[in-house]
């Protein structure tokens, strides 16, 4: 019986509590002063979807907190009093704390997009007059690029070192297994502007390698592009190739090394080098399970052999090395990419050889 009377008394108090809350909100409304550019700001906020605005998320959170607080105030006012003080006026929480100002953070600018990754230049920079030059050799039936370092005397001026390297590229490689698809041509000019470069050849009556010669024209273009970008130390450089005024390629960039470079390079010792009995073989490879086979041959016979592990397996490209003790004499050093049957199998996917003298 007492419980019902207590509830009835609280039900009778609700209209007064609601009226007090309404009066408090009306007093706060009279204190609001609209800003001069309020309409423009509203249009700006409503002109884009809410889910793309960081401020909208903050505003939503603030409104949710205030709404929860308002509900709490109402519940506390209506149900919080008990006993003898149930007929006393409820405290005015709004006037007790002064004007309430609700602010939101301005919209944050979007984070800048991460720049697209650019190709990395793995060729050592030219030094002491030695420049990287690319040639072509067949891995099976596929023509691929191989690199040599040539010593040049470059004239002064911008691009002189690149022109000298290109002229070497159009000449004879040190390794007789390599060839140039630009042999016999003269480098008429080389110009660079920002991220683009133009190479102009004087064919001197010779046409560049064509499809009917067995060498795709894009391999010839990549030979130029790799040589230029290696000397410039800029793997992202776009190269235009012109022959006798005719544009052969416009803005060509490096192809993926796994697609255009030789599967195994034997970069040291170089062709024709004289070395000590402790011979260190070094190179670069893109091979199955990172396995590189190597041999030392004399008179057509294998005198030493083994394998090395590249720092990265194909289709990646990693460096490799091996050391072998050899008696004095002339040798052919051979590095090769075995097929998946292993080192004992007959299949070889690609190879690189160098003739050296051991003292």
Protein backbone atom coordinates (compact mmCIF):
# COMPACT_ATOMS: atom_id res chain seq x y z
CA UNK A 1 0.00 0.00 0.00
CA UNK A 2 2.83 2.41 0.85
CA UNK A 3 4.64 1.57 -2.39
CA UNK A 4 1.65 2.56 -4.54
CA UNK A 5 1.29 5.88 -2.69
CA UNK A 6 5.00 6.59 -3.22
CA UNK A 7 4.69 5.96 -6.99
CA UNK A 8 1.57 8.10 -7.26
CA UNK A 9 3.32 11.01 -5.61
CA UNK A 10 6.24 10.73 -8.06
CA UNK A 11 3.83 10.58 -11.00
CA UNK A 12 2.23 13.79 -9.80
CA UNK A 13 5.66 15.48 -9.65
CA UNK A 14 6.63 14.77 -13.25
CA UNK A 15 4.83 17.72 -14.95
CA UNK A 16 6.59 20.22 -12.68
CA UNK A 17 10.00 18.69 -13.36
CA UNK A 18 9.41 18.76 -17.11
CA UNK A 19 8.30 22.39 -16.92
CA UNK A 20 11.44 23.36 -15.03
CA UNK A 21 13.63 21.64 -17.62
CA UNK A 22 11.78 23.39 -20.47
CA UNK A 23 12.25 26.81 -18.83
CA UNK A 24 15.96 26.16 -18.36
CA UNK A 25 16.38 25.23 -22.03
CA UNK A 26 14.45 28.32 -23.15
CA UNK A 27 16.77 30.55 -21.09
CA UNK A 28 19.80 28.92 -22.78
CA UNK A 29 18.26 29.42 -26.23
CA UNK A 30 17.98 33.18 -25.65
CA UNK A 31 21.75 33.30 -24.98
CA UNK A 32 22.73 31.77 -28.35
CA UNK A 33 24.12 34.27 -30.89
CA UNK A 34 24.29 32.98 -34.47
CA UNK A 35 27.55 33.68 -36.33
CA UNK A 36 27.52 35.71 -39.51
CA UNK A 37 28.61 32.84 -41.73
CA UNK A 38 26.50 30.16 -40.09
CA UNK A 39 24.50 29.36 -43.23
CA UNK A 40 27.62 28.91 -45.32
CA UNK A 41 29.15 26.62 -42.72
CA UNK A 42 26.02 24.51 -42.58
CA UNK A 43 25.96 24.19 -46.37
CA UNK A 44 29.64 23.21 -46.35
CA UNK A 45 29.07 20.47 -43.79
CA UNK A 46 25.94 19.13 -45.48
CA UNK A 47 27.49 19.20 -48.93
CA UNK A 48 29.50 16.04 -48.27
CA UNK A 49 28.50 12.62 -46.90
CA UNK A 50 28.72 12.48 -43.16
CA UNK A 51 30.74 9.29 -43.12
CA UNK A 52 33.65 11.05 -44.87
CA UNK A 53 33.92 13.85 -42.32
CA UNK A 54 36.07 13.27 -39.19
CA UNK A 55 34.16 16.14 -37.54
CA UNK A 56 30.89 14.26 -38.03
CA UNK A 57 32.18 11.35 -36.01
CA UNK A 58 33.28 13.71 -33.22
CA UNK A 59 29.95 15.57 -33.31
CA UNK A 60 28.01 12.31 -33.17
CA UNK A 61 29.97 11.21 -30.13
CA UNK A 62 29.39 14.57 -28.38
CA UNK A 63 25.65 14.48 -29.09
CA UNK A 64 25.46 10.93 -27.77
CA UNK A 65 27.21 11.94 -24.54
CA UNK A 66 24.96 14.98 -24.07
CA UNK A 67 21.86 12.94 -24.78
CA UNK A 68 22.92 10.37 -22.22
CA UNK A 69 23.57 13.18 -19.73
CA UNK A 70 20.13 14.70 -20.36
CA UNK A 71 18.46 11.35 -19.81
CA UNK A 72 20.47 10.93 -16.62
CA UNK A 73 19.41 14.38 -15.40
CA UNK A 74 15.74 13.60 -16.06
CA UNK A 75 15.92 10.25 -14.32
CA UNK A 76 17.77 11.72 -11.38
CA UNK A 77 15.21 14.50 -11.05
CA UNK A 78 12.20 12.23 -11.30
CA UNK A 79 13.42 9.21 -9.40
CA UNK A 80 16.38 10.35 -7.33
CA UNK A 81 14.45 12.05 -4.43
CA UNK A 82 13.03 9.94 -1.64
CA UNK A 83 11.70 10.33 1.91
CA UNK A 84 10.91 13.73 3.40
CA UNK A 85 12.58 15.84 0.68
CA UNK A 86 10.43 14.50 -2.17
CA UNK A 87 8.38 17.73 -2.34
CA UNK A 88 11.43 20.08 -2.42
CA UNK A 89 12.20 21.80 -5.77
CA UNK A 90 14.82 19.96 -7.81
CA UNK A 91 18.17 21.68 -8.37
CA UNK A 92 18.56 23.36 -11.79
CA UNK A 93 21.67 21.65 -13.19
CA UNK A 94 21.93 23.98 -16.20
CA UNK A 95 21.80 27.28 -14.29
CA UNK A 96 24.05 25.85 -11.58
CA UNK A 97 26.92 25.37 -14.03
CA UNK A 98 26.35 28.35 -16.33
CA UNK A 99 25.99 28.34 -20.13
CA UNK A 100 26.96 25.10 -21.83
CA UNK A 101 29.07 25.47 -24.98
CA UNK A 102 29.30 22.53 -27.33
CA UNK A 103 32.22 22.58 -29.76
CA UNK A 104 33.48 20.15 -32.32
CA UNK A 105 36.94 19.79 -33.81
CA UNK A 106 37.37 21.09 -37.34
CA UNK A 107 37.50 18.48 -40.08
CA UNK A 108 40.99 17.03 -40.34
CA UNK A 109 42.64 17.03 -43.77
CA UNK A 110 42.96 13.56 -45.25
CA UNK A 111 46.28 11.87 -44.75
CA UNK A 112 48.48 12.21 -47.83
CA UNK A 113 48.44 9.15 -50.02
CA UNK A 114 51.58 7.05 -49.88
CA UNK A 115 53.68 7.65 -52.99
CA UNK A 116 53.83 4.78 -55.46
CA UNK A 117 56.96 2.78 -55.00
CA UNK A 118 59.65 3.61 -57.48
CA UNK A 119 62.15 1.14 -58.99
CA UNK A 120 65.44 0.84 -57.14
CA UNK A 121 68.80 1.15 -58.88
CA UNK A 122 70.93 -1.87 -57.99
CA UNK A 123 73.83 -1.17 -60.36
CA UNK A 124 76.91 0.37 -58.69
CA UNK A 125 77.50 4.00 -59.61
CA UNK A 126 80.15 4.75 -62.25
CA UNK A 127 83.58 5.30 -60.69
CA UNK A 128 87.14 5.82 -61.91
CA UNK A 129 85.89 6.09 -65.48
CA UNK A 130 84.17 2.66 -65.37
CA UNK A 131 80.55 2.73 -66.57
CA UNK A 132 77.89 -0.02 -66.65
CA UNK A 133 77.05 -1.20 -70.16
CA UNK A 134 74.37 -3.74 -71.07
CA UNK A 135 74.59 -6.36 -73.80
CA UNK A 136 72.43 -9.30 -74.93
CA UNK A 137 72.90 -13.06 -74.66
CA UNK A 138 70.43 -15.88 -75.18
CA UNK A 139 69.17 -17.92 -72.21
CA UNK A 140 67.92 -20.87 -74.20
CA UNK A 141 65.77 -19.25 -76.89
CA UNK A 142 65.20 -16.04 -74.93
CA UNK A 143 67.46 -13.01 -75.45
CA UNK A 144 68.30 -11.40 -72.08
CA UNK A 145 70.45 -8.57 -70.78
CA UNK A 146 73.94 -9.00 -69.30
CA UNK A 147 76.12 -6.28 -67.81
CA UNK A 148 79.76 -5.34 -68.16
CA UNK A 149 81.78 -2.42 -66.82
CA UNK A 150 83.83 -0.52 -69.42
CA UNK A 151 86.43 2.15 -68.80
CA UNK A 152 85.77 5.29 -70.80
CA UNK A 153 87.14 8.77 -71.26
CA UNK A 154 84.16 11.05 -71.29
CA UNK A 155 84.24 14.60 -72.60
CA UNK A 156 82.97 17.44 -70.43
CA UNK A 157 79.35 18.56 -70.36
CA UNK A 158 76.01 17.25 -69.20
CA UNK A 159 75.33 13.68 -70.24
CA UNK A 160 78.90 13.08 -71.46
CA UNK A 161 79.29 9.94 -69.33
CA UNK A 162 75.99 8.55 -70.61
CA UNK A 163 76.98 9.22 -74.24
CA UNK A 164 80.29 7.44 -73.66
CA UNK A 165 78.51 4.42 -72.15
CA UNK A 166 76.03 4.30 -75.04
CA UNK A 167 78.87 4.38 -77.55
CA UNK A 168 80.45 1.42 -75.73
CA UNK A 169 77.09 -0.34 -75.89
CA UNK A 170 77.10 0.08 -79.67
CA UNK A 171 80.60 -1.40 -79.80
CA UNK A 172 82.14 -4.77 -78.91
CA UNK A 173 81.51 -6.49 -75.56
CA UNK A 174 84.45 -7.95 -73.64
CA UNK A 175 82.68 -11.31 -73.34
CA UNK A 176 82.52 -13.06 -76.72
CA UNK A 177 79.22 -14.71 -75.69
CA UNK A 178 77.50 -11.29 -75.60
CA UNK A 179 76.34 -9.13 -78.48
CA UNK A 180 74.92 -5.66 -79.04
CA UNK A 181 71.68 -5.04 -80.92
CA UNK A 182 73.00 -1.53 -81.73
CA UNK A 183 76.38 -2.56 -83.10
CA UNK A 184 77.84 -0.12 -85.63
CA UNK A 185 75.56 2.82 -84.77
CA UNK A 186 76.81 6.21 -83.61
CA UNK A 187 75.35 8.13 -80.68
CA UNK A 188 74.30 11.46 -82.19
CA UNK A 189 73.02 13.05 -78.97
CA UNK A 190 71.77 12.53 -75.45
CA UNK A 191 69.54 14.97 -73.61
CA UNK A 192 67.83 14.81 -70.25
CA UNK A 193 65.09 17.00 -68.80
CA UNK A 194 63.79 16.06 -65.35
CA UNK A 195 62.45 12.53 -65.39
CA UNK A 196 62.78 12.00 -69.14
CA UNK A 197 65.71 11.49 -71.48
CA UNK A 198 66.16 11.20 -75.26
CA UNK A 199 68.82 9.16 -77.05
CA UNK A 200 69.40 9.79 -80.74
CA UNK A 201 71.36 7.36 -82.90
CA UNK A 202 72.87 7.83 -86.33
CA UNK A 203 72.31 4.46 -87.99
CA UNK A 204 75.00 5.04 -90.63
CA UNK A 205 73.04 2.86 -93.03
CA UNK A 206 72.32 0.14 -90.45
CA UNK A 207 68.83 -0.61 -89.16
CA UNK A 208 68.26 -1.45 -85.48
CA UNK A 209 67.49 -5.06 -84.58
CA UNK A 210 64.12 -6.10 -85.99
CA UNK A 211 61.74 -8.96 -85.30
CA UNK A 212 62.85 -10.82 -88.40
CA UNK A 213 66.44 -10.82 -87.06
CA UNK A 214 65.27 -13.00 -84.18
CA UNK A 215 65.64 -10.22 -81.58
CA UNK A 216 62.46 -8.41 -80.52
CA UNK A 217 62.72 -4.63 -80.82
CA UNK A 218 61.73 -4.25 -77.18
CA UNK A 219 64.90 -6.12 -76.13
CA UNK A 220 66.94 -3.60 -78.13
CA UNK A 221 65.10 -0.75 -76.43
CA UNK A 222 65.67 -2.29 -72.98
CA UNK A 223 69.39 -2.52 -73.75
CA UNK A 224 69.41 1.26 -74.16
CA UNK A 225 67.11 1.95 -71.21
CA UNK A 226 69.11 -0.18 -68.77
CA UNK A 227 72.41 1.38 -69.85
CA UNK A 228 71.10 4.94 -69.54
CA UNK A 229 69.34 4.43 -66.21
CA UNK A 230 72.31 2.58 -64.70
CA UNK A 231 74.76 5.38 -65.57
CA UNK A 232 72.29 8.04 -64.42
CA UNK A 233 71.55 6.02 -61.25
CA UNK A 234 67.84 6.65 -61.82
CA UNK A 235 65.84 3.46 -62.37
CA UNK A 236 62.58 5.40 -62.95
CA UNK A 237 63.93 7.51 -65.82
CA UNK A 238 61.76 7.37 -68.99
CA UNK A 239 63.82 7.11 -72.18
CA UNK A 240 62.83 7.98 -75.74
CA UNK A 241 64.90 6.36 -78.50
CA UNK A 242 65.26 7.99 -81.93
CA UNK A 243 67.09 6.52 -84.94
CA UNK A 244 67.78 8.81 -87.91
CA UNK A 245 64.90 11.07 -86.91
CA UNK A 246 62.45 8.21 -86.48
CA UNK A 247 61.09 7.55 -82.99
CA UNK A 248 61.62 3.89 -82.12
CA UNK A 249 60.33 4.10 -78.52
CA UNK A 250 58.70 6.93 -76.56
CA UNK A 251 59.11 7.22 -72.81
CA UNK A 252 60.27 3.62 -72.34
CA UNK A 253 61.03 2.55 -68.78
CA UNK A 254 62.81 -0.43 -67.32
CA UNK A 255 61.13 -3.78 -67.66
CA UNK A 256 61.09 -6.10 -64.65
CA UNK A 257 64.57 -7.54 -64.14
CA UNK A 258 63.08 -11.02 -63.80
CA UNK A 259 61.72 -10.61 -67.33
CA UNK A 260 64.66 -8.99 -69.14
CA UNK A 261 67.90 -9.73 -67.25
CA UNK A 262 69.94 -12.92 -67.54
CA UNK A 263 68.97 -15.61 -65.04
CA UNK A 264 72.56 -15.89 -63.76
CA UNK A 265 75.31 -13.29 -64.01
CA UNK A 266 78.94 -14.10 -63.25
CA UNK A 267 80.18 -10.57 -62.54
CA UNK A 268 83.55 -11.38 -60.94
CA UNK A 269 86.14 -12.27 -62.07
CA UNK A 270 85.67 -10.34 -65.30
CA UNK A 271 86.38 -11.78 -68.71
CA UNK A 272 90.18 -12.12 -69.26
CA UNK A 273 91.10 -11.30 -65.66
CA UNK A 274 94.22 -12.60 -63.93
CA UNK A 275 93.54 -13.88 -60.42
CA UNK A 276 95.27 -15.64 -57.54
CA UNK A 277 94.82 -19.32 -56.68
CA UNK A 278 92.09 -18.45 -54.16
CA UNK A 279 89.39 -17.48 -56.67
CA UNK A 280 86.23 -15.80 -55.48
CA UNK A 281 83.23 -16.03 -57.81
CA UNK A 282 80.50 -13.41 -57.46
CA UNK A 283 77.32 -12.69 -59.33
CA UNK A 284 73.60 -11.99 -59.40
CA UNK A 285 70.85 -14.53 -60.02
CA UNK A 286 67.11 -15.12 -60.25
CA UNK A 287 66.84 -18.89 -59.91
CA UNK A 288 64.66 -21.64 -58.46
CA UNK A 289 65.17 -22.07 -54.71
CA UNK A 290 68.07 -19.56 -54.94
CA UNK A 291 70.40 -22.35 -56.12
CA UNK A 292 73.29 -21.37 -58.41
CA UNK A 293 75.59 -24.01 -59.86
CA UNK A 294 79.22 -23.23 -60.67
CA UNK A 295 82.13 -25.01 -62.35
CA UNK A 296 85.80 -24.46 -63.10
CA UNK A 297 86.77 -26.09 -66.39
CA UNK A 298 90.16 -26.71 -67.96
CA UNK A 299 90.58 -28.21 -71.41
CA UNK A 300 86.84 -28.91 -71.57
CA UNK A 301 86.93 -30.96 -68.33
CA UNK A 302 85.33 -29.98 -65.03
CA UNK A 303 88.06 -29.76 -62.39
CA UNK A 304 86.03 -28.17 -59.58
CA UNK A 305 82.31 -27.64 -59.08
CA UNK A 306 79.78 -26.76 -56.44
CA UNK A 307 76.79 -24.61 -55.74
CA UNK A 308 75.99 -21.31 -54.04
CA UNK A 309 72.86 -19.87 -52.52
CA UNK A 310 71.64 -16.49 -53.70
CA UNK A 311 70.33 -14.00 -51.17
CA UNK A 312 66.89 -14.22 -52.80
CA UNK A 313 65.10 -16.92 -54.76
CA UNK A 314 63.41 -16.38 -58.10
CA UNK A 315 61.46 -14.53 -59.30
CA UNK A 316 63.37 -12.19 -56.99
CA UNK A 317 66.97 -11.32 -57.74
CA UNK A 318 69.80 -11.81 -55.26
CA UNK A 319 73.58 -11.84 -55.08
CA UNK A 320 75.63 -14.98 -54.72
CA UNK A 321 79.29 -15.93 -54.18
CA UNK A 322 81.60 -18.95 -53.93
CA UNK A 323 85.32 -19.54 -53.38
CA UNK A 324 87.50 -22.19 -55.00
CA UNK A 325 91.21 -22.98 -54.79
CA UNK A 326 92.72 -23.52 -58.26
CA UNK A 327 96.27 -24.35 -59.40
CA UNK A 328 97.94 -21.99 -61.86
CA UNK A 329 96.60 -22.19 -65.39
CA UNK A 330 93.88 -21.04 -67.73
CA UNK A 331 90.27 -21.76 -66.79
CA UNK A 332 86.75 -21.24 -67.92
CA UNK A 333 84.54 -20.34 -64.97
CA UNK A 334 80.88 -21.16 -65.45
CA UNK A 335 77.82 -20.17 -63.41
CA UNK A 336 74.45 -21.59 -64.36
CA UNK A 337 70.80 -21.84 -63.40
CA UNK A 338 69.90 -25.54 -63.13
CA UNK A 339 66.40 -26.64 -63.93
CA UNK A 340 64.17 -28.04 -61.18
CA UNK A 341 65.74 -31.49 -61.50
CA UNK A 342 68.77 -30.17 -59.56
CA UNK A 343 72.50 -29.86 -60.10
CA UNK A 344 72.83 -33.45 -61.34
CA UNK A 345 70.30 -32.91 -64.12
CA UNK A 346 71.18 -32.11 -67.69
CA UNK A 347 68.85 -29.16 -68.06
CA UNK A 348 70.29 -25.66 -67.74
CA UNK A 349 68.02 -22.64 -68.00
CA UNK A 350 70.76 -20.03 -68.34
CA UNK A 351 74.50 -19.66 -67.87
CA UNK A 352 77.36 -17.15 -67.86
CA UNK A 353 81.02 -17.99 -68.45
CA UNK A 354 84.32 -16.13 -68.05
CA UNK A 355 87.83 -17.08 -69.17
CA UNK A 356 90.50 -16.25 -66.57
CA UNK A 357 94.16 -16.90 -65.82
CA UNK A 358 95.14 -18.18 -62.37
CA UNK A 359 98.68 -17.47 -61.15
